[in-house]
PDB file of N, CA and C in Angstrom:
ATOM      1  N   MET A   1       0.785  -1.096  -0.037  1.00  0.00           N
ATOM      2  CA  MET A   1      -0.079  -0.153   0.043  1.00  0.00           C
ATOM      3  C   MET A   1       0.816   1.262  -0.270  1.00  0.00           C
ATOM      4  N   SER A   2       0.601   2.204  -0.784  1.00  0.00           N
ATOM      5  CA  SER A   2       1.336   3.361  -0.927  1.00  0.00           C
ATOM      6  C   SER A   2       0.830   4.491   0.216  1.00  0.00           C
ATOM      7  N   GLU A   3       1.806   5.242   0.624  1.00  0.00           N
ATOM      8  CA  GLU A   3       1.640   6.206   1.554  1.00  0.00           C
ATOM      9  C   GLU A   3       0.617   7.344   1.056  1.00  0.00           C
ATOM     10  N   PRO A   4      -0.378   7.595   2.034  1.00  0.00           N
ATOM     11  CA  PRO A   4      -1.392   8.547   1.552  1.00  0.00           C
ATOM     12  C   PRO A   4      -0.607  10.110   1.558  1.00  0.00           C
ATOM     13  N   THR A   5      -1.266  10.760   0.735  1.00  0.00           N
ATOM     14  CA  THR A   5      -0.577  12.253   0.592  1.00  0.00           C
ATOM     15  C   THR A   5      -1.443  12.968   1.675  1.00  0.00           C
ATOM     16  N   ARG A   6      -0.834  14.137   1.956  1.00  0.00           N
ATOM     17  CA  ARG A   6      -1.571  14.881   2.904  1.00  0.00           C
ATOM     18  C   ARG A   6      -2.952  15.369   2.702  1.00  0.00           C
ATOM     19  N   GLU A   7      -2.916  15.453   1.330  1.00  0.00           N
ATOM     20  CA  GLU A   7      -4.371  16.063   0.966  1.00  0.00           C
ATOM     21  C   GLU A   7      -5.337  14.998   1.103  1.00  0.00           C
ATOM     22  N   GLU A   8      -4.916  13.622   0.666  1.00  0.00           N
ATOM     23  CA  GLU A   8      -5.678  12.559   1.015  1.00  0.00           C
ATOM     24  C   GLU A   8      -6.242  12.360   2.572  1.00  0.00           C
ATOM     25  N   VAL A   9      -5.145  12.511   3.310  1.00  0.00           N
ATOM     26  CA  VAL A   9      -5.494  12.559   4.894  1.00  0.00           C
ATOM     27  C   VAL A   9      -6.381  13.496   5.376  1.00  0.00           C
ATOM     28  N   ASP A  10      -6.141  14.598   4.726  1.00  0.00           N
ATOM     29  CA  ASP A  10      -6.940  15.972   5.315  1.00  0.00           C
ATOM     30  C   ASP A  10      -8.257  15.683   4.730  1.00  0.00           C
ATOM     31  N   ARG A  11      -8.729  14.814   3.797  1.00  0.00           N
ATOM     32  CA  ARG A  11      -9.963  14.740   3.256  1.00  0.00           C
ATOM     33  C   ARG A  11     -10.839  13.624   3.887  1.00  0.00           C
ATOM     34  N   LEU A  12     -10.261  12.946   4.605  1.00  0.00           N
ATOM     35  CA  LEU A  12     -10.693  11.831   5.286  1.00  0.00           C
ATOM     36  C   LEU A  12     -11.795  12.147   6.385  1.00  0.00           C
ATOM     37  N   SER A  13     -12.948  11.466   6.258  1.00  0.00           N
ATOM     38  CA  SER A  13     -14.007  11.714   7.144  1.00  0.00           C
ATOM     39  C   SER A  13     -14.038  10.775   8.491  1.00  0.00           C
ATOM     40  N   GLY A  14     -14.640  11.180   9.275  1.00  0.00           N
ATOM     41  CA  GLY A  14     -14.822  10.477  10.838  1.00  0.00           C
ATOM     42  C   GLY A  14     -13.380  10.545  11.544  1.00  0.00           C
ATOM     43  N   PRO A  15     -13.549   9.513  12.619  1.00  0.00           N
ATOM     44  CA  PRO A  15     -12.181   9.456  13.421  1.00  0.00           C
ATOM     45  C   PRO A  15     -11.018   8.663  12.747  1.00  0.00           C
ATOM     46  N   VAL A  16     -10.160   9.093  12.917  1.00  0.00           N
ATOM     47  CA  VAL A  16      -8.544   8.676  12.214  1.00  0.00           C
ATOM     48  C   VAL A  16      -7.731   8.736  13.158  1.00  0.00           C
ATOM     49  N   VAL A  17      -6.744   7.631  13.187  1.00  0.00           N
ATOM     50  CA  VAL A  17      -5.342   7.670  13.824  1.00  0.00           C
ATOM     51  C   VAL A  17      -4.550   7.275  13.029  1.00  0.00           C
ATOM     52  N   LEU A  18      -3.527   8.134  12.810  1.00  0.00           N
ATOM     53  CA  LEU A  18      -2.333   7.919  11.793  1.00  0.00           C
ATOM     54  C   LEU A  18      -1.279   7.685  13.030  1.00  0.00           C
ATOM     55  N   GLU A  19      -0.376   6.412  12.701  1.00  0.00           N
ATOM     56  CA  GLU A  19       0.618   5.699  13.627  1.00  0.00           C
ATOM     57  C   GLU A  19       1.837   5.888  12.797  1.00  0.00           C
ATOM     58  N   PHE A  20       2.637   6.877  12.798  1.00  0.00           N
ATOM     59  CA  PHE A  20       4.127   6.758  12.255  1.00  0.00           C
ATOM     60  C   PHE A  20       4.968   5.958  13.000  1.00  0.00           C
ATOM     61  N   GLY A  21       5.832   5.445  12.250  1.00  0.00           N
ATOM     62  CA  GLY A  21       6.980   4.562  12.995  1.00  0.00           C
ATOM     63  C   GLY A  21       7.499   3.801  12.046  1.00  0.00           C
ATOM     64  N   ALA A  22       8.451   2.645  12.427  1.00  0.00           N
ATOM     65  CA  ALA A  22       9.208   1.600  11.710  1.00  0.00           C
ATOM     66  C   ALA A  22       8.996   0.413  12.281  1.00  0.00           C
ATOM     67  N   ASP A  23       8.905  -0.691  11.266  1.00  0.00           N
ATOM     68  CA  ASP A  23       8.729  -2.294  11.755  1.00  0.00           C
ATOM     69  C   ASP A  23      10.016  -2.259  12.851  1.00  0.00           C
ATOM     70  N   TRP A  24      11.011  -2.077  12.728  1.00  0.00           N
ATOM     71  CA  TRP A  24      12.225  -2.471  13.623  1.00  0.00           C
ATOM     72  C   TRP A  24      12.412  -1.458  14.769  1.00  0.00           C
ATOM     73  N   CYS A  25      11.575  -0.457  14.952  1.00  0.00           N
ATOM     74  CA  CYS A  25      11.685   0.621  16.229  1.00  0.00           C
ATOM     75  C   CYS A  25      11.326  -0.233  17.309  1.00  0.00           C
ATOM     76  N   PRO A  26      12.056  -0.496  18.156  1.00  0.00           N
ATOM     77  CA  PRO A  26      11.419  -1.031  19.684  1.00  0.00           C
ATOM     78  C   PRO A  26      10.543   0.095  20.298  1.00  0.00           C
ATOM     79  N   HIS A  27      10.411   1.271  20.233  1.00  0.00           N
ATOM     80  CA  HIS A  27       9.522   2.024  20.984  1.00  0.00           C
ATOM     81  C   HIS A  27       8.040   1.757  20.037  1.00  0.00           C
ATOM     82  N   CYS A  28       7.923   1.531  18.948  1.00  0.00           N
ATOM     83  CA  CYS A  28       6.934   1.280  18.140  1.00  0.00           C
ATOM     84  C   CYS A  28       6.421  -0.202  18.314  1.00  0.00           C
ATOM     85  N   GLN A  29       7.082  -0.947  18.247  1.00  0.00           N
ATOM     86  CA  GLN A  29       6.690  -2.448  18.913  1.00  0.00           C
ATOM     87  C   GLN A  29       6.163  -2.378  20.265  1.00  0.00           C
ATOM     88  N   GLY A  30       6.567  -1.713  21.195  1.00  0.00           N
ATOM     89  CA  GLY A  30       6.095  -1.465  22.388  1.00  0.00           C
ATOM     90  C   GLY A  30       4.819  -1.059  22.651  1.00  0.00           C
ATOM     91  N   ILE A  31       4.374  -0.361  21.853  1.00  0.00           N
ATOM     92  CA  ILE A  31       2.934   0.180  21.962  1.00  0.00           C
ATOM     93  C   ILE A  31       1.956  -0.679  21.192  1.00  0.00           C
ATOM     94  N   GLN A  32       2.433  -1.812  20.474  1.00  0.00           N
ATOM     95  CA  GLN A  32       1.667  -2.596  19.663  1.00  0.00           C
ATOM     96  C   GLN A  32       0.283  -3.605  20.459  1.00  0.00           C
ATOM     97  N   PRO A  33       0.595  -3.726  21.566  1.00  0.00           N
ATOM     98  CA  PRO A  33      -0.110  -4.179  22.485  1.00  0.00           C
ATOM     99  C   PRO A  33      -1.466  -3.565  23.005  1.00  0.00           C
ATOM    100  N   ALA A  34      -1.221  -2.237  23.252  1.00  0.00           N
ATOM    101  CA  ALA A  34      -2.010  -1.013  23.691  1.00  0.00           C
ATOM    102  C   ALA A  34      -2.648  -0.876  22.252  1.00  0.00           C
ATOM    103  N   MET A  35      -2.290  -0.647  21.469  1.00  0.00           N
ATOM    104  CA  MET A  35      -2.840  -0.162  19.962  1.00  0.00           C
ATOM    105  C   MET A  35      -3.884  -1.460  19.421  1.00  0.00           C
ATOM    106  N   ALA A  36      -3.570  -2.443  19.650  1.00  0.00           N
ATOM    107  CA  ALA A  36      -4.345  -3.534  19.459  1.00  0.00           C
ATOM    108  C   ALA A  36      -5.525  -3.515  20.246  1.00  0.00           C
ATOM    109  N   ASP A  37      -5.411  -3.383  21.566  1.00  0.00           N
ATOM    110  CA  ASP A  37      -6.689  -3.528  22.258  1.00  0.00           C
ATOM    111  C   ASP A  37      -7.723  -1.996  22.107  1.00  0.00           C
ATOM    112  N   LEU A  38      -7.031  -1.018  21.840  1.00  0.00           N
ATOM    113  CA  LEU A  38      -7.865   0.084  21.673  1.00  0.00           C
ATOM    114  C   LEU A  38      -8.680   0.165  20.340  1.00  0.00           C
ATOM    115  N   ARG A  39      -7.714  -0.515  19.391  1.00  0.00           N
ATOM    116  CA  ARG A  39      -8.453  -0.672  18.126  1.00  0.00           C
ATOM    117  C   ARG A  39      -9.591  -1.290  18.091  1.00  0.00           C
ATOM    118  N   ALA A  40      -9.379  -2.742  18.811  1.00  0.00           N
ATOM    119  CA  ALA A  40     -10.573  -3.533  18.935  1.00  0.00           C
ATOM    120  C   ALA A  40     -11.698  -2.910  19.778  1.00  0.00           C
ATOM    121  N   GLN A  41     -11.428  -2.035  20.795  1.00  0.00           N
ATOM    122  CA  GLN A  41     -12.471  -1.382  21.541  1.00  0.00           C
ATOM    123  C   GLN A  41     -13.148  -0.293  20.716  1.00  0.00           C
ATOM    124  N   HIS A  42     -12.335   0.241  19.688  1.00  0.00           N
ATOM    125  CA  HIS A  42     -12.906   1.429  19.000  1.00  0.00           C
ATOM    126  C   HIS A  42     -12.895   1.154  17.522  1.00  0.00           C
ATOM    127  N   PRO A  43     -13.606   0.181  17.102  1.00  0.00           N
ATOM    128  CA  PRO A  43     -13.851   0.035  15.558  1.00  0.00           C
ATOM    129  C   PRO A  43     -14.179   0.852  14.671  1.00  0.00           C
ATOM    130  N   GLN A  44     -14.725   2.005  15.127  1.00  0.00           N
ATOM    131  CA  GLN A  44     -15.254   3.228  14.336  1.00  0.00           C
ATOM    132  C   GLN A  44     -13.929   3.947  14.120  1.00  0.00           C
ATOM    133  N   VAL A  45     -13.089   3.909  14.700  1.00  0.00           N
ATOM    134  CA  VAL A  45     -11.661   4.781  14.428  1.00  0.00           C
ATOM    135  C   VAL A  45     -10.719   4.038  13.449  1.00  0.00           C
ATOM    136  N   ARG A  46     -10.661   4.910  12.238  1.00  0.00           N
ATOM    137  CA  ARG A  46      -9.795   3.966  11.082  1.00  0.00           C
ATOM    138  C   ARG A  46      -8.515   4.238  11.578  1.00  0.00           C
ATOM    139  N   HIS A  47      -7.461   3.226  11.486  1.00  0.00           N
ATOM    140  CA  HIS A  47      -6.400   3.080  11.601  1.00  0.00           C
ATOM    141  C   HIS A  47      -5.263   3.101  10.467  1.00  0.00           C
ATOM    142  N   ILE A  48      -4.253   4.193  10.187  1.00  0.00           N
ATOM    143  CA  ILE A  48      -3.414   4.297   9.067  1.00  0.00           C
ATOM    144  C   ILE A  48      -2.211   4.040   9.778  1.00  0.00           C
ATOM    145  N   GLY A  49      -1.443   2.954   9.452  1.00  0.00           N
ATOM    146  CA  GLY A  49      -0.025   2.794   9.778  1.00  0.00           C
ATOM    147  C   GLY A  49       0.805   3.037   8.819  1.00  0.00           C
ATOM    148  N   ILE A  50       1.732   4.144   8.980  1.00  0.00           N
ATOM    149  CA  ILE A  50       2.762   4.648   8.100  1.00  0.00           C
ATOM    150  C   ILE A  50       3.967   4.512   8.435  1.00  0.00           C
ATOM    151  N   GLU A  51       4.753   3.501   7.461  1.00  0.00           N
ATOM    152  CA  GLU A  51       6.185   3.231   7.542  1.00  0.00           C
ATOM    153  C   GLU A  51       6.970   4.456   7.359  1.00  0.00           C
ATOM    154  N   ASP A  52       7.403   5.138   8.245  1.00  0.00           N
ATOM    155  CA  ASP A  52       7.928   6.648   8.301  1.00  0.00           C
ATOM    156  C   ASP A  52       9.570   6.372   7.849  1.00  0.00           C
ATOM    157  N   GLY A  53      10.126   7.481   7.697  1.00  0.00           N
ATOM    158  CA  GLY A  53      11.623   7.438   7.145  1.00  0.00           C
ATOM    159  C   GLY A  53      12.105   8.819   6.642  1.00  0.00           C
ATOM    160  N   LYS A  54      13.345   8.883   6.665  1.00  0.00           N
ATOM    161  CA  LYS A  54      13.862  10.383   5.926  1.00  0.00           C
ATOM    162  C   LYS A  54      13.344  10.566   4.902  1.00  0.00           C
ATOM    163  N   GLY A  55      12.953  11.705   4.510  1.00  0.00           N
ATOM    164  CA  GLY A  55      12.324  12.433   3.122  1.00  0.00           C
ATOM    165  C   GLY A  55      10.953  11.829   2.823  1.00  0.00           C
ATOM    166  N   LYS A  56      10.310  11.271   3.985  1.00  0.00           N
ATOM    167  CA  LYS A  56       9.087  10.722   3.705  1.00  0.00           C
ATOM    168  C   LYS A  56       7.855  11.928   3.972  1.00  0.00           C
ATOM    169  N   PRO A  57       7.372  12.451   2.816  1.00  0.00           N
ATOM    170  CA  PRO A  57       6.741  13.968   2.845  1.00  0.00           C
ATOM    171  C   PRO A  57       5.593  13.727   4.041  1.00  0.00           C
ATOM    172  N   LEU A  58       4.746  12.785   4.204  1.00  0.00           N
ATOM    173  CA  LEU A  58       3.580  12.579   5.100  1.00  0.00           C
ATOM    174  C   LEU A  58       4.032  13.144   6.399  1.00  0.00           C
ATOM    175  N   GLY A  59       5.262  12.309   6.971  1.00  0.00           N
ATOM    176  CA  GLY A  59       5.652  12.374   8.361  1.00  0.00           C
ATOM    177  C   GLY A  59       6.145  13.651   8.474  1.00  0.00           C
ATOM    178  N   ARG A  60       6.947  14.117   7.381  1.00  0.00           N
ATOM    179  CA  ARG A  60       7.184  15.657   7.693  1.00  0.00           C
ATOM    180  C   ARG A  60       6.129  16.611   7.895  1.00  0.00           C
ATOM    181  N   SER A  61       5.158  16.470   7.016  1.00  0.00           N
ATOM    182  CA  SER A  61       3.924  17.474   6.959  1.00  0.00           C
ATOM    183  C   SER A  61       3.303  17.649   8.520  1.00  0.00           C
ATOM    184  N   PHE A  62       3.555  16.450   9.198  1.00  0.00           N
ATOM    185  CA  PHE A  62       2.969  16.532  10.619  1.00  0.00           C
ATOM    186  C   PHE A  62       4.232  16.560  11.645  1.00  0.00           C
ATOM    187  N   ARG A  63       5.427  16.943  11.071  1.00  0.00           N
ATOM    188  CA  ARG A  63       6.589  17.366  11.913  1.00  0.00           C
ATOM    189  C   ARG A  63       6.935  16.300  12.959  1.00  0.00           C
ATOM    190  N   VAL A  64       6.836  14.893  12.182  1.00  0.00           N
ATOM    191  CA  VAL A  64       7.179  13.737  13.225  1.00  0.00           C
ATOM    192  C   VAL A  64       8.739  13.777  13.405  1.00  0.00           C
ATOM    193  N   LYS A  65       9.272  13.846  14.559  1.00  0.00           N
ATOM    194  CA  LYS A  65      10.382  13.512  14.739  1.00  0.00           C
ATOM    195  C   LYS A  65      11.147  12.408  15.614  1.00  0.00           C
ATOM    196  N   LEU A  66       9.983  11.892  16.310  1.00  0.00           N
ATOM    197  CA  LEU A  66      10.309  10.645  17.043  1.00  0.00           C
ATOM    198  C   LEU A  66       9.292   9.598  16.765  1.00  0.00           C
ATOM    199  N   TRP A  67       9.591   8.327  16.895  1.00  0.00           N
ATOM    200  CA  TRP A  67       8.758   7.245  16.603  1.00  0.00           C
ATOM    201  C   TRP A  67       8.413   6.585  17.847  1.00  0.00           C
ATOM    202  N   PRO A  68       7.355   6.004  18.151  1.00  0.00           N
ATOM    203  CA  PRO A  68       6.026   6.281  17.210  1.00  0.00           C
ATOM    204  C   PRO A  68       5.385   7.344  17.389  1.00  0.00           C
ATOM    205  N   THR A  69       4.915   7.991  16.433  1.00  0.00           N
ATOM    206  CA  THR A  69       3.856   9.360  16.824  1.00  0.00           C
ATOM    207  C   THR A  69       2.510   9.058  16.144  1.00  0.00           C
ATOM    208  N   LEU A  70       1.775   9.322  17.223  1.00  0.00           N
ATOM    209  CA  LEU A  70       0.316   9.181  16.863  1.00  0.00           C
ATOM    210  C   LEU A  70      -0.475  10.471  16.723  1.00  0.00           C
ATOM    211  N   VAL A  71      -1.195  10.440  15.446  1.00  0.00           N
ATOM    212  CA  VAL A  71      -2.004  11.545  15.251  1.00  0.00           C
ATOM    213  C   VAL A  71      -3.332  11.417  15.064  1.00  0.00           C
ATOM    214  N   PHE A  72      -4.216  11.875  16.289  1.00  0.00           N
ATOM    215  CA  PHE A  72      -5.463  11.723  16.170  1.00  0.00           C
ATOM    216  C   PHE A  72      -6.318  12.802  15.651  1.00  0.00           C
ATOM    217  N   MET A  73      -7.138  12.303  14.413  1.00  0.00           N
ATOM    218  CA  MET A  73      -7.946  13.314  13.599  1.00  0.00           C
ATOM    219  C   MET A  73      -9.017  12.855  13.714  1.00  0.00           C
ATOM    220  N   ARG A  74     -10.093  14.037  13.171  1.00  0.00           N
ATOM    221  CA  ARG A  74     -11.445  13.829  13.211  1.00  0.00           C
ATOM    222  C   ARG A  74     -11.610  14.810  11.686  1.00  0.00           C
ATOM    223  N   ASP A  75     -12.384  13.978  10.795  1.00  0.00           N
ATOM    224  CA  ASP A  75     -12.811  14.683   9.623  1.00  0.00           C
ATOM    225  C   ASP A  75     -11.684  16.036   9.171  1.00  0.00           C
ATOM    226  N   GLY A  76     -10.559  15.297   8.922  1.00  0.00           N
ATOM    227  CA  GLY A  76      -9.423  15.937   8.471  1.00  0.00           C
ATOM    228  C   GLY A  76      -8.690  17.091   9.361  1.00  0.00           C
ATOM    229  N   ARG A  77      -8.878  17.339  10.643  1.00  0.00           N
ATOM    230  CA  ARG A  77      -8.707  17.989  11.577  1.00  0.00           C
ATOM    231  C   ARG A  77      -7.844  17.337  12.545  1.00  0.00           C
ATOM    232  N   VAL A  78      -6.615  17.692  13.327  1.00  0.00           N
ATOM    233  CA  VAL A  78      -5.625  17.328  14.089  1.00  0.00           C
ATOM    234  C   VAL A  78      -6.442  17.508  15.364  1.00  0.00           C
ATOM    235  N   VAL A  79      -6.788  16.370  16.077  1.00  0.00           N
ATOM    236  CA  VAL A  79      -7.400  16.493  17.511  1.00  0.00           C
ATOM    237  C   VAL A  79      -6.029  16.591  18.487  1.00  0.00           C
ATOM    238  N   SER A  80      -5.525  15.672  18.349  1.00  0.00           N
ATOM    239  CA  SER A  80      -4.047  15.454  19.192  1.00  0.00           C
ATOM    240  C   SER A  80      -3.080  14.855  18.467  1.00  0.00           C
ATOM    241  N   GLN A  81      -1.703  15.227  19.004  1.00  0.00           N
ATOM    242  CA  GLN A  81      -0.638  14.349  18.364  1.00  0.00           C
ATOM    243  C   GLN A  81       0.201  14.063  19.465  1.00  0.00           C
ATOM    244  N   VAL A  82       0.739  12.793  19.791  1.00  0.00           N
ATOM    245  CA  VAL A  82       1.720  12.498  20.638  1.00  0.00           C
ATOM    246  C   VAL A  82       2.957  11.700  20.262  1.00  0.00           C
ATOM    247  N   SER A  83       4.107  11.939  20.639  1.00  0.00           N
ATOM    248  CA  SER A  83       5.161  11.232  20.372  1.00  0.00           C
ATOM    249  C   SER A  83       5.596  10.234  21.360  1.00  0.00           C
ATOM    250  N   ARG A  84       5.885   9.139  20.990  1.00  0.00           N
ATOM    251  CA  ARG A  84       6.579   7.997  22.181  1.00  0.00           C
ATOM    252  C   ARG A  84       5.638   7.762  23.334  1.00  0.00           C
ATOM    253  N   PRO A  85       4.015   7.911  22.922  1.00  0.00           N
ATOM    254  CA  PRO A  85       3.350   7.632  23.977  1.00  0.00           C
ATOM    255  C   PRO A  85       3.331   6.904  25.023  1.00  0.00           C
ATOM    256  N   SER A  86       2.925   7.029  26.315  1.00  0.00           N
ATOM    257  CA  SER A  86       2.309   6.068  27.120  1.00  0.00           C
ATOM    258  C   SER A  86       1.118   5.485  26.721  1.00  0.00           C
ATOM    259  N   ARG A  87       0.728   4.313  27.488  1.00  0.00           N
ATOM    260  CA  ARG A  87      -0.540   3.641  27.180  1.00  0.00           C
ATOM    261  C   ARG A  87      -1.593   4.687  27.501  1.00  0.00           C
ATOM    262  N   GLU A  88      -1.466   5.380  28.650  1.00  0.00           N
ATOM    263  CA  GLU A  88      -2.544   6.386  28.959  1.00  0.00           C
ATOM    264  C   GLU A  88      -2.691   7.369  27.962  1.00  0.00           C
ATOM    265  N   GLU A  89      -1.675   7.716  27.358  1.00  0.00           N
ATOM    266  CA  GLU A  89      -1.712   9.007  26.139  1.00  0.00           C
ATOM    267  C   GLU A  89      -2.509   8.428  25.026  1.00  0.00           C
ATOM    268  N   ILE A  90      -2.226   6.997  24.821  1.00  0.00           N
ATOM    269  CA  ILE A  90      -2.943   6.227  23.741  1.00  0.00           C
ATOM    270  C   ILE A  90      -4.290   6.095  24.181  1.00  0.00           C
ATOM    271  N   VAL A  91      -4.678   5.686  25.345  1.00  0.00           N
ATOM    272  CA  VAL A  91      -6.011   5.475  25.732  1.00  0.00           C
ATOM    273  C   VAL A  91      -6.711   6.955  25.579  1.00  0.00           C
ATOM    274  N   ASN A  92      -6.254   8.097  26.201  1.00  0.00           N
ATOM    275  CA  ASN A  92      -6.916   9.388  26.006  1.00  0.00           C
ATOM    276  C   ASN A  92      -7.121   9.820  24.581  1.00  0.00           C
ATOM    277  N   GLY A  93      -6.034   9.436  23.690  1.00  0.00           N
ATOM    278  CA  GLY A  93      -6.143   9.651  22.334  1.00  0.00           C
ATOM    279  C   GLY A  93      -7.527   9.119  21.600  1.00  0.00           C
ATOM    280  N   PHE A  94      -7.693   8.060  22.085  1.00  0.00           N
ATOM    281  CA  PHE A  94      -8.947   7.098  21.269  1.00  0.00           C
ATOM    282  C   PHE A  94     -10.164   7.603  22.041  1.00  0.00           C
ATOM    283  N   ALA A  95     -10.151   7.890  23.553  1.00  0.00           N
ATOM    284  CA  ALA A  95     -11.414   8.357  24.036  1.00  0.00           C
ATOM    285  C   ALA A  95     -11.735   9.495  23.455  1.00  0.00           C
ATOM    286  N   GLU A  96     -10.737  10.609  23.350  1.00  0.00           N
ATOM    287  CA  GLU A  96     -11.139  11.857  22.774  1.00  0.00           C
ATOM    288  C   GLU A  96     -11.761  11.891  21.408  1.00  0.00           C
ATOM    289  N   LEU A  97     -11.315  10.785  20.555  1.00  0.00           N
ATOM    290  CA  LEU A  97     -12.003  10.532  19.262  1.00  0.00           C
ATOM    291  C   LEU A  97     -13.474  10.058  19.597  1.00  0.00           C
ATOM    292  N   ALA A  98     -13.407   9.125  20.497  1.00  0.00           N
ATOM    293  CA  ALA A  98     -14.762   8.426  20.666  1.00  0.00           C
ATOM    294  C   ALA A  98     -15.770   9.434  21.050  1.00  0.00           C
ATOM    295  N   ALA A  99     -15.294  10.442  22.049  1.00  0.00           N
ATOM    296  CA  ALA A  99     -16.411  11.308  22.961  1.00  0.00           C
ATOM    297  C   ALA A  99     -16.833  12.402  21.817  1.00  0.00           C
ATOM    298  N   GLN A 100     -16.207  12.645  20.548  1.00  0.00           N
ATOM    299  CA  GLN A 100     -16.762  13.763  19.597  1.00  0.00           C
ATOM    300  C   GLN A 100     -17.776  12.995  18.829  1.00  0.00           C
ATOM    301  N   PRO A 101     -18.970  13.774  18.602  1.00  0.00           N
ATOM    302  CA  PRO A 101     -19.961  13.189  17.659  1.00  0.00           C
ATOM    303  C   PRO A 101     -19.238  13.260  16.343  1.00  0.00           C
ATOM    304  N   THR A 102     -19.972  12.140  15.293  1.00  0.00           N
ATOM    305  CA  THR A 102     -19.340  11.809  13.800  1.00  0.00           C
ATOM    306  C   THR A 102     -20.395  12.702  13.049  1.00  0.00           C
ATOM    307  N   GLY A 103     -19.609  13.128  11.990  1.00  0.00           N
ATOM    308  CA  GLY A 103     -20.462  13.832  10.994  1.00  0.00           C
ATOM    309  C   GLY A 103     -20.144  14.948  11.304  1.00  0.00           C
TER     310      GLY A 103
END
């Protein structure tokens, strides 16, 4: 799957979480249990995993500097963004998206 453009991401409707990282990143691997739990609890939230790296325009457009970086969005707008999040920060990000009405 090719990386979406910033324009495509900005046009997404509803709740979305972008997960920037790399498969080999230990911090990224460390949040996978929490991400799996929360994605199961919030099936209405679209998850897009993005293999980030040097020169990747989507990550740069969100000023990603550390992995993992989670960008919680609703209808193309950033609700919150966290880098190297704790489980609590991940839970709060999903809760914030779930609390907002869709549409």
